[in-house]
């Protein structure tokens, strides 16, 4: 089993998977379909957490979601690596708030009350 940390290698592995199964030819890159698959995986992640499943099961479901996210970037033809770093830069200057005892970092809008 490979254990690479390179985004480019992960992206290429997902591209190879898409090519092998001819996703582009058989509508496997349709974004509505892909969103449904991601929602399904998120549900499986939720089930792992809420039902106390093992970390191995949780990590597998998170990997499934990551593969779908990378595949969505391929399908929609955008650079997810670039989008990630752009978003991280934006998040790094945001302030946080405590909401119901939990920390949130979001683009909070000022209330006009």
Protein backbone atom coordinates (compact mmCIF):
# COMPACT_ATOMS: atom_id res chain seq x y z
CA UNK A 1 0.00 0.00 0.00
CA UNK A 2 1.35 3.40 -0.96
CA UNK A 3 1.54 6.08 1.70
CA UNK A 4 2.27 9.22 -0.31
CA UNK A 5 1.65 12.69 1.01
CA UNK A 6 1.66 14.42 -2.36
CA UNK A 7 -1.55 16.07 -3.50
CA UNK A 8 -0.45 15.56 -7.10
CA UNK A 9 -0.04 11.81 -6.54
CA UNK A 10 -3.46 11.53 -4.87
CA UNK A 11 -5.05 13.49 -7.72
CA UNK A 12 -3.33 11.28 -10.31
CA UNK A 13 -4.52 8.12 -8.52
CA UNK A 14 -8.11 9.39 -8.66
CA UNK A 15 -7.68 10.42 -12.30
CA UNK A 16 -6.39 6.93 -13.09
CA UNK A 17 -9.43 5.46 -11.33
CA UNK A 18 -11.76 7.68 -13.39
CA UNK A 19 -9.96 6.70 -16.58
CA UNK A 20 -9.99 2.98 -15.75
CA UNK A 21 -13.76 2.99 -15.20
CA UNK A 22 -14.48 5.50 -17.99
CA UNK A 23 -16.34 7.87 -15.66
CA UNK A 24 -16.37 10.65 -18.24
CA UNK A 25 -17.93 8.37 -20.85
CA UNK A 26 -20.55 6.86 -18.53
CA UNK A 27 -21.71 10.00 -16.67
CA UNK A 28 -19.64 9.18 -13.57
CA UNK A 29 -18.43 12.77 -13.57
CA UNK A 30 -21.93 14.30 -13.49
CA UNK A 31 -21.91 16.76 -10.59
CA UNK A 32 -25.47 16.04 -9.41
CA UNK A 33 -24.57 12.35 -9.20
CA UNK A 34 -21.31 13.16 -7.44
CA UNK A 35 -23.04 15.36 -4.85
CA UNK A 36 -25.43 12.50 -4.09
CA UNK A 37 -22.45 10.16 -3.60
CA UNK A 38 -20.77 12.69 -1.29
CA UNK A 39 -23.97 13.05 0.75
CA UNK A 40 -24.08 9.26 1.08
CA UNK A 41 -20.47 9.17 2.29
CA UNK A 42 -21.13 11.99 4.76
CA UNK A 43 -24.02 9.93 6.13
CA UNK A 44 -21.65 6.99 6.55
CA UNK A 45 -19.17 9.24 8.39
CA UNK A 46 -22.00 10.43 10.63
CA UNK A 47 -23.00 6.83 11.34
CA UNK A 48 -19.42 6.00 12.33
CA UNK A 49 -19.38 8.83 14.84
CA UNK A 50 -22.92 8.47 16.19
CA UNK A 51 -22.75 4.67 16.47
CA UNK A 52 -19.28 4.54 18.01
CA UNK A 53 -17.64 2.64 15.18
CA UNK A 54 -13.88 2.17 15.06
CA UNK A 55 -11.35 4.77 13.96
CA UNK A 56 -10.45 2.43 11.07
CA UNK A 57 -14.06 2.51 9.87
CA UNK A 58 -14.20 6.30 10.26
CA UNK A 59 -10.91 6.77 8.41
CA UNK A 60 -12.14 4.58 5.54
CA UNK A 61 -15.32 6.63 5.15
CA UNK A 62 -13.35 9.89 5.31
CA UNK A 63 -11.01 8.54 2.62
CA UNK A 64 -14.06 7.72 0.46
CA UNK A 65 -15.24 11.31 0.81
CA UNK A 66 -11.78 12.68 0.00
CA UNK A 67 -11.62 10.51 -3.13
CA UNK A 68 -15.03 11.84 -4.19
CA UNK A 69 -13.91 15.44 -3.52
CA UNK A 70 -10.78 14.96 -5.61
CA UNK A 71 -12.88 13.34 -8.33
CA UNK A 72 -15.29 16.25 -8.25
CA UNK A 73 -12.41 18.64 -8.85
CA UNK A 74 -11.40 16.50 -11.82
CA UNK A 75 -14.97 16.35 -13.14
CA UNK A 76 -15.60 20.09 -12.75
CA UNK A 77 -12.09 20.94 -13.97
CA UNK A 78 -10.92 23.12 -11.09
CA UNK A 79 -7.75 23.08 -9.03
CA UNK A 80 -8.78 21.84 -5.59
CA UNK A 81 -5.26 22.35 -4.25
CA UNK A 82 -5.40 26.01 -5.22
CA UNK A 83 -8.94 26.37 -3.84
CA UNK A 84 -7.84 24.76 -0.56
CA UNK A 85 -4.95 27.16 -0.01
CA UNK A 86 -7.04 30.17 -1.04
CA UNK A 87 -9.71 29.18 1.48
CA UNK A 88 -7.14 28.49 4.23
CA UNK A 89 -5.69 31.94 3.70
CA UNK A 90 -9.19 33.42 4.04
CA UNK A 91 -9.93 31.37 7.16
CA UNK A 92 -6.62 32.30 8.79
CA UNK A 93 -7.70 35.92 9.21
CA UNK A 94 -11.22 35.22 10.46
CA UNK A 95 -12.14 35.59 14.08
CA UNK A 96 -13.89 32.89 16.04
CA UNK A 97 -17.01 32.93 18.17
CA UNK A 98 -18.35 30.68 20.88
CA UNK A 99 -21.82 29.53 19.93
CA UNK A 100 -23.63 27.30 22.41
CA UNK A 101 -20.32 26.33 24.00
CA UNK A 102 -18.61 25.41 20.74
CA UNK A 103 -16.04 27.31 18.75
CA UNK A 104 -16.99 28.51 15.27
CA UNK A 105 -14.85 30.20 12.66
CA UNK A 106 -17.07 31.54 9.96
CA UNK A 107 -17.74 34.61 7.85
CA UNK A 108 -20.04 36.04 10.49
CA UNK A 109 -22.15 38.91 9.29
CA UNK A 110 -22.80 41.89 11.48
CA UNK A 111 -26.30 41.97 12.89
CA UNK A 112 -28.35 45.02 11.93
CA UNK A 113 -30.72 44.83 14.89
